[in-house]
């Protein structure tokens, strides 16, 4: 998952992607952000 923290704010969940490829997004970023994972590269991405 990707999380974010703004000044004087609590850390919040932005998006998650499961090992099976299912994704979930915070309402504030739906339609704008895309999370993905590349297990072969051990890397997670967030396209904003």
ModelCIF file with pLDDT and N, C-alpha, C, O atoms, coordinates in Angstrom:
data_MODEL
#
_entry.id   MODEL 
#
_entity.id                         1 
_entity.type                       polymer 
_entity.pdbx_number_of_molecules   1 
#
_entity_poly.entity_id                      1 
_entity_poly.type                           'polypeptide(L)' 
_entity_poly.nstd_linkage                   no 
_entity_poly.nstd_monomer                   no 
_entity_poly.pdbx_seq_one_letter_code       
;(UNK)(UNK)(UNK)(UNK)(UNK)(UNK)(UNK)(UNK)(UNK)(UNK)(UNK)(UNK)(UNK)(UNK)(UNK)(UNK)
(UNK)(UNK)(UNK)(UNK)(UNK)(UNK)(UNK)(UNK)(UNK)(UNK)(UNK)(UNK)(UNK)(UNK)(UNK)(UNK)
(UNK)(UNK)(UNK)(UNK)(UNK)(UNK)(UNK)(UNK)(UNK)(UNK)(UNK)(UNK)(UNK)(UNK)(UNK)(UNK)
;
_entity_poly.pdbx_seq_one_letter_code_can   XXXXXXXXXXXXXXXXXXXXXXXXXXXXXXXXXXXXXXXXXXXXXXXX 
_entity_poly.pdbx_strand_id                 A 
#
loop_
_entity_poly_seq.entity_id 
_entity_poly_seq.num 
_entity_poly_seq.mon_id 
_entity_poly_seq.hetero 
1 1  UNK n 
1 2  UNK n 
1 3  UNK n 
1 4  UNK n 
1 5  UNK n 
1 6  UNK n 
1 7  UNK n 
1 8  UNK n 
1 9  UNK n 
1 10 UNK n 
1 11 UNK n 
1 12 UNK n 
1 13 UNK n 
1 14 UNK n 
1 15 UNK n 
1 16 UNK n 
1 17 UNK n 
1 18 UNK n 
1 19 UNK n 
1 20 UNK n 
1 21 UNK n 
1 22 UNK n 
1 23 UNK n 
1 24 UNK n 
1 25 UNK n 
1 26 UNK n 
1 27 UNK n 
1 28 UNK n 
1 29 UNK n 
1 30 UNK n 
1 31 UNK n 
1 32 UNK n 
1 33 UNK n 
1 34 UNK n 
1 35 UNK n 
1 36 UNK n 
1 37 UNK n 
1 38 UNK n 
1 39 UNK n 
1 40 UNK n 
1 41 UNK n 
1 42 UNK n 
1 43 UNK n 
1 44 UNK n 
1 45 UNK n 
1 46 UNK n 
1 47 UNK n 
1 48 UNK n 
#
_struct_asym.id          A 
_struct_asym.entity_id   1 
#
loop_
_ma_qa_metric.id 
_ma_qa_metric.mode 
_ma_qa_metric.name 
_ma_qa_metric.software_group_id 
_ma_qa_metric.type 
1 global pLDDT . pLDDT 
2 local  pLDDT . pLDDT 
#
_ma_qa_metric_global.metric_id      1 
_ma_qa_metric_global.metric_value   96.56 
_ma_qa_metric_global.model_id       1 
_ma_qa_metric_global.ordinal_id     1 
#
loop_
_ma_qa_metric_local.label_asym_id 
_ma_qa_metric_local.label_comp_id 
_ma_qa_metric_local.label_seq_id 
_ma_qa_metric_local.metric_id 
_ma_qa_metric_local.metric_value 
_ma_qa_metric_local.model_id 
_ma_qa_metric_local.ordinal_id 
A UNK 1  2 97.00 1 1  
A UNK 2  2 98.00 1 2  
A UNK 3  2 98.00 1 3  
A UNK 4  2 98.00 1 4  
A UNK 5  2 98.00 1 5  
A UNK 6  2 96.00 1 6  
A UNK 7  2 90.00 1 7  
A UNK 8  2 92.00 1 8  
A UNK 9  2 96.00 1 9  
A UNK 10 2 97.00 1 10 
A UNK 11 2 97.00 1 11 
A UNK 12 2 97.00 1 12 
A UNK 13 2 97.00 1 13 
A UNK 14 2 98.00 1 14 
A UNK 15 2 98.00 1 15 
A UNK 16 2 97.00 1 16 
A UNK 17 2 97.00 1 17 
A UNK 18 2 96.00 1 18 
A UNK 19 2 93.00 1 19 
A UNK 20 2 92.00 1 20 
A UNK 21 2 93.00 1 21 
A UNK 22 2 96.00 1 22 
A UNK 23 2 98.00 1 23 
A UNK 24 2 97.00 1 24 
A UNK 25 2 98.00 1 25 
A UNK 26 2 98.00 1 26 
A UNK 27 2 98.00 1 27 
A UNK 28 2 98.00 1 28 
A UNK 29 2 98.00 1 29 
A UNK 30 2 98.00 1 30 
A UNK 31 2 98.00 1 31 
A UNK 32 2 98.00 1 32 
A UNK 33 2 98.00 1 33 
A UNK 34 2 98.00 1 34 
A UNK 35 2 98.00 1 35 
A UNK 36 2 97.00 1 36 
A UNK 37 2 95.00 1 37 
A UNK 38 2 95.00 1 38 
A UNK 39 2 92.00 1 39 
A UNK 40 2 94.00 1 40 
A UNK 41 2 96.00 1 41 
A UNK 42 2 96.00 1 42 
A UNK 43 2 97.00 1 43 
A UNK 44 2 97.00 1 44 
A UNK 45 2 98.00 1 45 
A UNK 46 2 98.00 1 46 
A UNK 47 2 98.00 1 47 
A UNK 48 2 98.00 1 48 
#
loop_
_atom_site.group_PDB 
_atom_site.id 
_atom_site.type_symbol 
_atom_site.label_atom_id 
_atom_site.label_alt_id 
_atom_site.label_comp_id 
_atom_site.label_asym_id 
_atom_site.label_entity_id 
_atom_site.label_seq_id 
_atom_site.pdbx_PDB_ins_code 
_atom_site.Cartn_x 
_atom_site.Cartn_y 
_atom_site.Cartn_z 
_atom_site.occupancy 
_atom_site.B_iso_or_equiv 
_atom_site.pdbx_formal_charge 
_atom_site.auth_seq_id 
_atom_site.auth_comp_id 
_atom_site.auth_asym_id 
_atom_site.auth_atom_id 
_atom_site.pdbx_PDB_model_num 
ATOM 1   N N  . UNK A 1 1  ? 0.789   -1.217  0.000   1.00 97.00 ? 1  UNK A N  1 
ATOM 2   C CA . UNK A 1 1  ? 0.000   0.000   0.000   1.00 97.00 ? 1  UNK A CA 1 
ATOM 3   C C  . UNK A 1 1  ? 0.823   1.270   0.000   1.00 97.00 ? 1  UNK A C  1 
ATOM 4   O O  . UNK A 1 1  ? 1.996   1.282   0.373   1.00 97.00 ? 1  UNK A O  1 
ATOM 5   N N  . UNK A 1 2  ? 0.180   2.329   -0.426  1.00 98.00 ? 2  UNK A N  1 
ATOM 6   C CA . UNK A 1 2  ? 0.741   3.668   -0.355  1.00 98.00 ? 2  UNK A CA 1 
ATOM 7   C C  . UNK A 1 2  ? -0.043  4.459   0.686   1.00 98.00 ? 2  UNK A C  1 
ATOM 8   O O  . UNK A 1 2  ? -1.267  4.359   0.777   1.00 98.00 ? 2  UNK A O  1 
ATOM 9   N N  . UNK A 1 3  ? 0.684   5.238   1.458   1.00 98.00 ? 3  UNK A N  1 
ATOM 10  C CA . UNK A 1 3  ? 0.117   6.071   2.496   1.00 98.00 ? 3  UNK A CA 1 
ATOM 11  C C  . UNK A 1 3  ? 0.669   7.479   2.330   1.00 98.00 ? 3  UNK A C  1 
ATOM 12  O O  . UNK A 1 3  ? 1.682   7.668   1.656   1.00 98.00 ? 3  UNK A O  1 
ATOM 13  N N  . UNK A 1 4  ? 0.032   8.452   2.924   1.00 98.00 ? 4  UNK A N  1 
ATOM 14  C CA . UNK A 1 4  ? 0.559   9.801   2.864   1.00 98.00 ? 4  UNK A CA 1 
ATOM 15  C C  . UNK A 1 4  ? 0.273   10.539  4.160   1.00 98.00 ? 4  UNK A C  1 
ATOM 16  O O  . UNK A 1 4  ? -0.676  10.236  4.884   1.00 98.00 ? 4  UNK A O  1 
ATOM 17  N N  . UNK A 1 5  ? 1.123   11.511  4.426   1.00 98.00 ? 5  UNK A N  1 
ATOM 18  C CA . UNK A 1 5  ? 0.975   12.310  5.631   1.00 98.00 ? 5  UNK A CA 1 
ATOM 19  C C  . UNK A 1 5  ? 1.278   13.766  5.311   1.00 98.00 ? 5  UNK A C  1 
ATOM 20  O O  . UNK A 1 5  ? 2.393   14.113  4.923   1.00 98.00 ? 5  UNK A O  1 
ATOM 21  N N  . UNK A 1 6  ? 0.276   14.604  5.479   1.00 96.00 ? 6  UNK A N  1 
ATOM 22  C CA . UNK A 1 6  ? 0.425   16.036  5.292   1.00 96.00 ? 6  UNK A CA 1 
ATOM 23  C C  . UNK A 1 6  ? 0.834   16.669  6.620   1.00 96.00 ? 6  UNK A C  1 
ATOM 24  O O  . UNK A 1 6  ? 0.639   16.064  7.674   1.00 96.00 ? 6  UNK A O  1 
ATOM 25  N N  . UNK A 1 7  ? 1.396   17.871  6.586   1.00 90.00 ? 7  UNK A N  1 
ATOM 26  C CA . UNK A 1 7  ? 1.791   18.537  7.830   1.00 90.00 ? 7  UNK A CA 1 
ATOM 27  C C  . UNK A 1 7  ? 0.650   18.625  8.829   1.00 90.00 ? 7  UNK A C  1 
ATOM 28  O O  . UNK A 1 7  ? -0.463  19.017  8.477   1.00 90.00 ? 7  UNK A O  1 
ATOM 29  N N  . UNK A 1 8  ? 0.925   18.262  10.064  1.00 92.00 ? 8  UNK A N  1 
ATOM 30  C CA . UNK A 1 8  ? -0.039  18.311  11.157  1.00 92.00 ? 8  UNK A CA 1 
ATOM 31  C C  . UNK A 1 8  ? -1.246  17.395  10.954  1.00 92.00 ? 8  UNK A C  1 
ATOM 32  O O  . UNK A 1 8  ? -2.292  17.584  11.575  1.00 92.00 ? 8  UNK A O  1 
ATOM 33  N N  . UNK A 1 9  ? -1.093  16.417  10.092  1.00 96.00 ? 9  UNK A N  1 
ATOM 34  C CA . UNK A 1 9  ? -2.157  15.459  9.846   1.00 96.00 ? 9  UNK A CA 1 
ATOM 35  C C  . UNK A 1 9  ? -1.675  14.047  10.170  1.00 96.00 ? 9  UNK A C  1 
ATOM 36  O O  . UNK A 1 9  ? -0.473  13.784  10.210  1.00 96.00 ? 9  UNK A O  1 
ATOM 37  N N  . UNK A 1 10 ? -2.610  13.157  10.396  1.00 97.00 ? 10 UNK A N  1 
ATOM 38  C CA . UNK A 1 10 ? -2.280  11.761  10.619  1.00 97.00 ? 10 UNK A CA 1 
ATOM 39  C C  . UNK A 1 10 ? -1.999  11.077  9.290   1.00 97.00 ? 10 UNK A C  1 
ATOM 40  O O  . UNK A 1 10 ? -2.517  11.485  8.251   1.00 97.00 ? 10 UNK A O  1 
ATOM 41  N N  . UNK A 1 11 ? -1.185  10.046  9.329   1.00 97.00 ? 11 UNK A N  1 
ATOM 42  C CA . UNK A 1 11 ? -0.931  9.271   8.134   1.00 97.00 ? 11 UNK A CA 1 
ATOM 43  C C  . UNK A 1 11 ? -2.226  8.587   7.693   1.00 97.00 ? 11 UNK A C  1 
ATOM 44  O O  . UNK A 1 11 ? -2.949  8.028   8.516   1.00 97.00 ? 11 UNK A O  1 
ATOM 45  N N  . UNK A 1 12 ? -2.510  8.634   6.401   1.00 97.00 ? 12 UNK A N  1 
ATOM 46  C CA . UNK A 1 12 ? -3.730  8.036   5.883   1.00 97.00 ? 12 UNK A CA 1 
ATOM 47  C C  . UNK A 1 12 ? -3.437  7.081   4.733   1.00 97.00 ? 12 UNK A C  1 
ATOM 48  O O  . UNK A 1 12 ? -2.459  7.242   4.004   1.00 97.00 ? 12 UNK A O  1 
ATOM 49  N N  . UNK A 1 13 ? -4.290  6.099   4.590   1.00 97.00 ? 13 UNK A N  1 
ATOM 50  C CA . UNK A 1 13 ? -4.164  5.136   3.508   1.00 97.00 ? 13 UNK A CA 1 
ATOM 51  C C  . UNK A 1 13 ? -4.617  5.766   2.198   1.00 97.00 ? 13 UNK A C  1 
ATOM 52  O O  . UNK A 1 13 ? -5.675  6.392   2.134   1.00 97.00 ? 13 UNK A O  1 
ATOM 53  N N  . UNK A 1 14 ? -3.816  5.597   1.158   1.00 98.00 ? 14 UNK A N  1 
ATOM 54  C CA . UNK A 1 14 ? -4.135  6.130   -0.159  1.00 98.00 ? 14 UNK A CA 1 
ATOM 55  C C  . UNK A 1 14 ? -4.660  5.029   -1.078  1.00 98.00 ? 14 UNK A C  1 
ATOM 56  O O  . UNK A 1 14 ? -5.708  5.182   -1.706  1.00 98.00 ? 14 UNK A O  1 
ATOM 57  N N  . UNK A 1 15 ? -3.930  3.925   -1.152  1.00 98.00 ? 15 UNK A N  1 
ATOM 58  C CA . UNK A 1 15 ? -4.306  2.837   -2.043  1.00 98.00 ? 15 UNK A CA 1 
ATOM 59  C C  . UNK A 1 15 ? -3.612  1.554   -1.630  1.00 98.00 ? 15 UNK A C  1 
ATOM 60  O O  . UNK A 1 15 ? -2.533  1.586   -1.039  1.00 98.00 ? 15 UNK A O  1 
ATOM 61  N N  . UNK A 1 16 ? -4.232  0.425   -1.942  1.00 97.00 ? 16 UNK A N  1 
ATOM 62  C CA . UNK A 1 16 ? -3.625  -0.879  -1.702  1.00 97.00 ? 16 UNK A CA 1 
ATOM 63  C C  . UNK A 1 16 ? -3.817  -1.769  -2.918  1.00 97.00 ? 16 UNK A C  1 
ATOM 64  O O  . UNK A 1 16 ? -4.754  -1.587  -3.696  1.00 97.00 ? 16 UNK A O  1 
ATOM 65  N N  . UNK A 1 17 ? -2.928  -2.721  -3.070  1.00 97.00 ? 17 UNK A N  1 
ATOM 66  C CA . UNK A 1 17 ? -3.060  -3.742  -4.102  1.00 97.00 ? 17 UNK A CA 1 
ATOM 67  C C  . UNK A 1 17 ? -2.663  -5.077  -3.480  1.00 97.00 ? 17 UNK A C  1 
ATOM 68  O O  . UNK A 1 17 ? -1.591  -5.193  -2.888  1.00 97.00 ? 17 UNK A O  1 
ATOM 69  N N  . UNK A 1 18 ? -3.520  -6.079  -3.611  1.00 96.00 ? 18 UNK A N  1 
ATOM 70  C CA . UNK A 1 18 ? -3.251  -7.386  -3.035  1.00 96.00 ? 18 UNK A CA 1 
ATOM 71  C C  . UNK A 1 18 ? -2.366  -8.209  -3.952  1.00 96.00 ? 18 UNK A C  1 
ATOM 72  O O  . UNK A 1 18 ? -2.099  -7.832  -5.093  1.00 96.00 ? 18 UNK A O  1 
ATOM 73  N N  . UNK A 1 19 ? -1.915  -9.347  -3.428  1.00 93.00 ? 19 UNK A N  1 
ATOM 74  C CA . UNK A 1 19 ? -1.091  -10.246 -4.225  1.00 93.00 ? 19 UNK A CA 1 
ATOM 75  C C  . UNK A 1 19 ? -1.850  -10.778 -5.439  1.00 93.00 ? 19 UNK A C  1 
ATOM 76  O O  . UNK A 1 19 ? -1.245  -11.180 -6.433  1.00 93.00 ? 19 UNK A O  1 
ATOM 77  N N  . UNK A 1 20 ? -3.177  -10.777 -5.349  1.00 92.00 ? 20 UNK A N  1 
ATOM 78  C CA . UNK A 1 20 ? -4.006  -11.219 -6.456  1.00 92.00 ? 20 UNK A CA 1 
ATOM 79  C C  . UNK A 1 20 ? -4.370  -10.128 -7.434  1.00 92.00 ? 20 UNK A C  1 
ATOM 80  O O  . UNK A 1 20 ? -5.046  -10.385 -8.430  1.00 92.00 ? 20 UNK A O  1 
ATOM 81  N N  . UNK A 1 21 ? -3.926  -8.902  -7.161  1.00 93.00 ? 21 UNK A N  1 
ATOM 82  C CA . UNK A 1 21 ? -4.170  -7.806  -8.076  1.00 93.00 ? 21 UNK A CA 1 
ATOM 83  C C  . UNK A 1 21 ? -5.390  -6.953  -7.774  1.00 93.00 ? 21 UNK A C  1 
ATOM 84  O O  . UNK A 1 21 ? -5.691  -6.026  -8.527  1.00 93.00 ? 21 UNK A O  1 
ATOM 85  N N  . UNK A 1 22 ? -6.094  -7.243  -6.696  1.00 96.00 ? 22 UNK A N  1 
ATOM 86  C CA . UNK A 1 22 ? -7.240  -6.418  -6.332  1.00 96.00 ? 22 UNK A CA 1 
ATOM 87  C C  . UNK A 1 22 ? -6.772  -5.094  -5.745  1.00 96.00 ? 22 UNK A C  1 
ATOM 88  O O  . UNK A 1 22 ? -5.833  -5.059  -4.951  1.00 96.00 ? 22 UNK A O  1 
ATOM 89  N N  . UNK A 1 23 ? -7.420  -4.019  -6.133  1.00 98.00 ? 23 UNK A N  1 
ATOM 90  C CA . UNK A 1 23 ? -7.031  -2.691  -5.674  1.00 98.00 ? 23 UNK A CA 1 
ATOM 91  C C  . UNK A 1 23 ? -8.138  -2.019  -4.885  1.00 98.00 ? 23 UNK A C  1 
ATOM 92  O O  . UNK A 1 23 ? -9.320  -2.324  -5.044  1.00 98.00 ? 23 UNK A O  1 
ATOM 93  N N  . UNK A 1 24 ? -7.722  -1.094  -4.028  1.00 97.00 ? 24 UNK A N  1 
ATOM 94  C CA . UNK A 1 24 ? -8.659  -0.308  -3.243  1.00 97.00 ? 24 UNK A CA 1 
ATOM 95  C C  . UNK A 1 24 ? -8.075  1.086   -3.083  1.00 97.00 ? 24 UNK A C  1 
ATOM 96  O O  . UNK A 1 24 ? -6.870  1.245   -2.887  1.00 97.00 ? 24 UNK A O  1 
ATOM 97  N N  . UNK A 1 25 ? -8.943  2.101   -3.167  1.00 98.00 ? 25 UNK A N  1 
ATOM 98  C CA . UNK A 1 25 ? -8.481  3.478   -3.119  1.00 98.00 ? 25 UNK A CA 1 
ATOM 99  C C  . UNK A 1 25 ? -9.296  4.311   -2.141  1.00 98.00 ? 25 UNK A C  1 
ATOM 100 O O  . UNK A 1 25 ? -10.483 4.068   -1.923  1.00 98.00 ? 25 UNK A O  1 
ATOM 101 N N  . UNK A 1 26 ? -8.634  5.290   -1.566  1.00 98.00 ? 26 UNK A N  1 
ATOM 102 C CA . UNK A 1 26 ? -9.347  6.275   -0.775  1.00 98.00 ? 26 UNK A CA 1 
ATOM 103 C C  . UNK A 1 26 ? -10.265 7.059   -1.704  1.00 98.00 ? 26 UNK A C  1 
ATOM 104 O O  . UNK A 1 26 ? -9.939  7.277   -2.870  1.00 98.00 ? 26 UNK A O  1 
ATOM 105 N N  . UNK A 1 27 ? -11.404 7.478   -1.186  1.00 98.00 ? 27 UNK A N  1 
ATOM 106 C CA . UNK A 1 27 ? -12.361 8.218   -2.008  1.00 98.00 ? 27 UNK A CA 1 
ATOM 107 C C  . UNK A 1 27 ? -11.741 9.464   -2.642  1.00 98.00 ? 27 UNK A C  1 
ATOM 108 O O  . UNK A 1 27 ? -12.100 9.844   -3.756  1.00 98.00 ? 27 UNK A O  1 
ATOM 109 N N  . UNK A 1 28 ? -10.826 10.085  -1.941  1.00 98.00 ? 28 UNK A N  1 
ATOM 110 C CA . UNK A 1 28 ? -10.236 11.323  -2.405  1.00 98.00 ? 28 UNK A CA 1 
ATOM 111 C C  . UNK A 1 28 ? -9.346  11.167  -3.641  1.00 98.00 ? 28 UNK A C  1 
ATOM 112 O O  . UNK A 1 28 ? -9.047  12.153  -4.315  1.00 98.00 ? 28 UNK A O  1 
ATOM 113 N N  . UNK A 1 29 ? -8.925  9.943   -3.941  1.00 98.00 ? 29 UNK A N  1 
ATOM 114 C CA . UNK A 1 29 ? -8.024  9.734   -5.075  1.00 98.00 ? 29 UNK A CA 1 
ATOM 115 C C  . UNK A 1 29 ? -8.600  8.824   -6.145  1.00 98.00 ? 29 UNK A C  1 
ATOM 116 O O  . UNK A 1 29 ? -7.953  8.600   -7.168  1.00 98.00 ? 29 UNK A O  1 
ATOM 117 N N  . UNK A 1 30 ? -9.784  8.301   -5.942  1.00 98.00 ? 30 UNK A N  1 
ATOM 118 C CA . UNK A 1 30 ? -10.400 7.404   -6.920  1.00 98.00 ? 30 UNK A CA 1 
ATOM 119 C C  . UNK A 1 30 ? -10.533 8.088   -8.275  1.00 98.00 ? 30 UNK A C  1 
ATOM 120 O O  . UNK A 1 30 ? -10.972 9.234   -8.372  1.00 98.00 ? 30 UNK A O  1 
ATOM 121 N N  . UNK A 1 31 ? -10.145 7.363   -9.313  1.00 98.00 ? 31 UNK A N  1 
ATOM 122 C CA . UNK A 1 31 ? -10.219 7.893   -10.660 1.00 98.00 ? 31 UNK A CA 1 
ATOM 123 C C  . UNK A 1 31 ? -9.013  8.701   -11.069 1.00 98.00 ? 31 UNK A C  1 
ATOM 124 O O  . UNK A 1 31 ? -8.870  9.047   -12.242 1.00 98.00 ? 31 UNK A O  1 
ATOM 125 N N  . UNK A 1 32 ? -8.137  9.012   -10.121 1.00 98.00 ? 32 UNK A N  1 
ATOM 126 C CA . UNK A 1 32 ? -6.964  9.821   -10.415 1.00 98.00 ? 32 UNK A CA 1 
ATOM 127 C C  . UNK A 1 32 ? -5.653  9.074   -10.194 1.00 98.00 ? 32 UNK A C  1 
ATOM 128 O O  . UNK A 1 32 ? -4.671  9.312   -10.898 1.00 98.00 ? 32 UNK A O  1 
ATOM 129 N N  . UNK A 1 33 ? -5.638  8.173   -9.216  1.00 98.00 ? 33 UNK A N  1 
ATOM 130 C CA . UNK A 1 33 ? -4.428  7.421   -8.875  1.00 98.00 ? 33 UNK A CA 1 
ATOM 131 C C  . UNK A 1 33 ? -4.576  5.958   -9.267  1.00 98.00 ? 33 UNK A C  1 
ATOM 132 O O  . UNK A 1 33 ? -5.676  5.407   -9.246  1.00 98.00 ? 33 UNK A O  1 
ATOM 133 N N  . UNK A 1 34 ? -3.465  5.337   -9.621  1.00 98.00 ? 34 UNK A N  1 
ATOM 134 C CA . UNK A 1 34 ? -3.447  3.917   -9.929  1.00 98.00 ? 34 UNK A CA 1 
ATOM 135 C C  . UNK A 1 34 ? -2.264  3.258   -9.237  1.00 98.00 ? 34 UNK A C  1 
ATOM 136 O O  . UNK A 1 34 ? -1.119  3.670   -9.425  1.00 98.00 ? 34 UNK A O  1 
ATOM 137 N N  . UNK A 1 35 ? -2.540  2.235   -8.437  1.00 98.00 ? 35 UNK A N  1 
ATOM 138 C CA . UNK A 1 35 ? -1.488  1.495   -7.758  1.00 98.00 ? 35 UNK A CA 1 
ATOM 139 C C  . UNK A 1 35 ? -1.234  0.184   -8.496  1.00 98.00 ? 35 UNK A C  1 
ATOM 140 O O  . UNK A 1 35 ? -2.160  -0.435  -9.021  1.00 98.00 ? 35 UNK A O  1 
ATOM 141 N N  . UNK A 1 36 ? 0.017   -0.226  -8.530  1.00 97.00 ? 36 UNK A N  1 
ATOM 142 C CA . UNK A 1 36 ? 0.369   -1.491  -9.162  1.00 97.00 ? 36 UNK A CA 1 
ATOM 143 C C  . UNK A 1 36 ? 1.587   -2.083  -8.471  1.00 97.00 ? 36 UNK A C  1 
ATOM 144 O O  . UNK A 1 36 ? 2.327   -1.371  -7.792  1.00 97.00 ? 36 UNK A O  1 
ATOM 145 N N  . UNK A 1 37 ? 1.794   -3.377  -8.640  1.00 95.00 ? 37 UNK A N  1 
ATOM 146 C CA . UNK A 1 37 ? 2.957   -4.037  -8.055  1.00 95.00 ? 37 UNK A CA 1 
ATOM 147 C C  . UNK A 1 37 ? 3.601   -4.934  -9.088  1.00 95.00 ? 37 UNK A C  1 
ATOM 148 O O  . UNK A 1 37 ? 2.915   -5.597  -9.867  1.00 95.00 ? 37 UNK A O  1 
ATOM 149 N N  . UNK A 1 38 ? 4.915   -4.951  -9.092  1.00 95.00 ? 38 UNK A N  1 
ATOM 150 C CA . UNK A 1 38 ? 5.694   -5.812  -9.958  1.00 95.00 ? 38 UNK A CA 1 
ATOM 151 C C  . UNK A 1 38 ? 6.494   -6.728  -9.051  1.00 95.00 ? 38 UNK A C  1 
ATOM 152 O O  . UNK A 1 38 ? 7.568   -6.362  -8.573  1.00 95.00 ? 38 UNK A O  1 
ATOM 153 N N  . UNK A 1 39 ? 5.968   -7.912  -8.818  1.00 92.00 ? 39 UNK A N  1 
ATOM 154 C CA . UNK A 1 39 ? 6.615   -8.839  -7.897  1.00 92.00 ? 39 UNK A CA 1 
ATOM 155 C C  . UNK A 1 39 ? 8.012   -9.252  -8.360  1.00 92.00 ? 39 UNK A C  1 
ATOM 156 O O  . UNK A 1 39 ? 8.898   -9.477  -7.536  1.00 92.00 ? 39 UNK A O  1 
ATOM 157 N N  . UNK A 1 40 ? 8.210   -9.351  -9.667  1.00 94.00 ? 40 UNK A N  1 
ATOM 158 C CA . UNK A 1 40 ? 9.512   -9.743  -10.203 1.00 94.00 ? 40 UNK A CA 1 
ATOM 159 C C  . UNK A 1 40 ? 10.581  -8.708  -9.888  1.00 94.00 ? 40 UNK A C  1 
ATOM 160 O O  . UNK A 1 40 ? 11.752  -9.049  -9.726  1.00 94.00 ? 40 UNK A O  1 
ATOM 161 N N  . UNK A 1 41 ? 10.181  -7.451  -9.803  1.00 96.00 ? 41 UNK A N  1 
ATOM 162 C CA . UNK A 1 41 ? 11.110  -6.365  -9.511  1.00 96.00 ? 41 UNK A CA 1 
ATOM 163 C C  . UNK A 1 41 ? 11.061  -5.923  -8.056  1.00 96.00 ? 41 UNK A C  1 
ATOM 164 O O  . UNK A 1 41 ? 11.791  -5.018  -7.653  1.00 96.00 ? 41 UNK A O  1 
ATOM 165 N N  . UNK A 1 42 ? 10.201  -6.561  -7.269  1.00 96.00 ? 42 UNK A N  1 
ATOM 166 C CA . UNK A 1 42 ? 10.031  -6.202  -5.858  1.00 96.00 ? 42 UNK A CA 1 
ATOM 167 C C  . UNK A 1 42 ? 9.740   -4.706  -5.709  1.00 96.00 ? 42 UNK A C  1 
ATOM 168 O O  . UNK A 1 42 ? 10.298  -4.029  -4.845  1.00 96.00 ? 42 UNK A O  1 
ATOM 169 N N  . UNK A 1 43 ? 8.866   -4.220  -6.558  1.00 97.00 ? 43 UNK A N  1 
ATOM 170 C CA . UNK A 1 43 ? 8.586   -2.794  -6.622  1.00 97.00 ? 43 UNK A CA 1 
ATOM 171 C C  . UNK A 1 43 ? 7.091   -2.526  -6.708  1.00 97.00 ? 43 UNK A C  1 
ATOM 172 O O  . UNK A 1 43 ? 6.346   -3.264  -7.353  1.00 97.00 ? 43 UNK A O  1 
ATOM 173 N N  . UNK A 1 44 ? 6.670   -1.462  -6.049  1.00 97.00 ? 44 UNK A N  1 
ATOM 174 C CA . UNK A 1 44 ? 5.284   -1.001  -6.091  1.00 97.00 ? 44 UNK A CA 1 
ATOM 175 C C  . UNK A 1 44 ? 5.272   0.405   -6.662  1.00 97.00 ? 44 UNK A C  1 
ATOM 176 O O  . UNK A 1 44 ? 6.168   1.203   -6.385  1.00 97.00 ? 44 UNK A O  1 
ATOM 177 N N  . UNK A 1 45 ? 4.266   0.704   -7.452  1.00 98.00 ? 45 UNK A N  1 
ATOM 178 C CA . UNK A 1 45 ? 4.177   2.006   -8.091  1.00 98.00 ? 45 UNK A CA 1 
ATOM 179 C C  . UNK A 1 45 ? 2.868   2.705   -7.739  1.00 98.00 ? 45 UNK A C  1 
ATOM 180 O O  . UNK A 1 45 ? 1.870   2.066   -7.407  1.00 98.00 ? 45 UNK A O  1 
ATOM 181 N N  . UNK A 1 46 ? 2.898   4.014   -7.820  1.00 98.00 ? 46 UNK A N  1 
ATOM 182 C CA . UNK A 1 46 ? 1.692   4.811   -7.684  1.00 98.00 ? 46 UNK A CA 1 
ATOM 183 C C  . UNK A 1 46 ? 1.707   5.858   -8.786  1.00 98.00 ? 46 UNK A C  1 
ATOM 184 O O  . UNK A 1 46 ? 2.484   6.811   -8.736  1.00 98.00 ? 46 UNK A O  1 
ATOM 185 N N  . UNK A 1 47 ? 0.848   5.676   -9.777  1.00 98.00 ? 47 UNK A N  1 
ATOM 186 C CA . UNK A 1 47 ? 0.713   6.640   -10.854 1.00 98.00 ? 47 UNK A CA 1 
ATOM 187 C C  . UNK A 1 47 ? -0.347  7.653   -10.453 1.00 98.00 ? 47 UNK A C  1 
ATOM 188 O O  . UNK A 1 47 ? -1.498  7.294   -10.204 1.00 98.00 ? 47 UNK A O  1 
ATOM 189 N N  . UNK A 1 48 ? 0.040   8.903   -10.392 1.00 98.00 ? 48 UNK A N  1 
ATOM 190 C CA . UNK A 1 48 ? -0.861  9.960   -9.954  1.00 98.00 ? 48 UNK A CA 1 
ATOM 191 C C  . UNK A 1 48 ? -1.104  10.937  -11.103 1.00 98.00 ? 48 UNK A C  1 
ATOM 192 O O  . UNK A 1 48 ? -1.842  11.909  -10.941 1.00 98.00 ? 48 UNK A O  1 
#
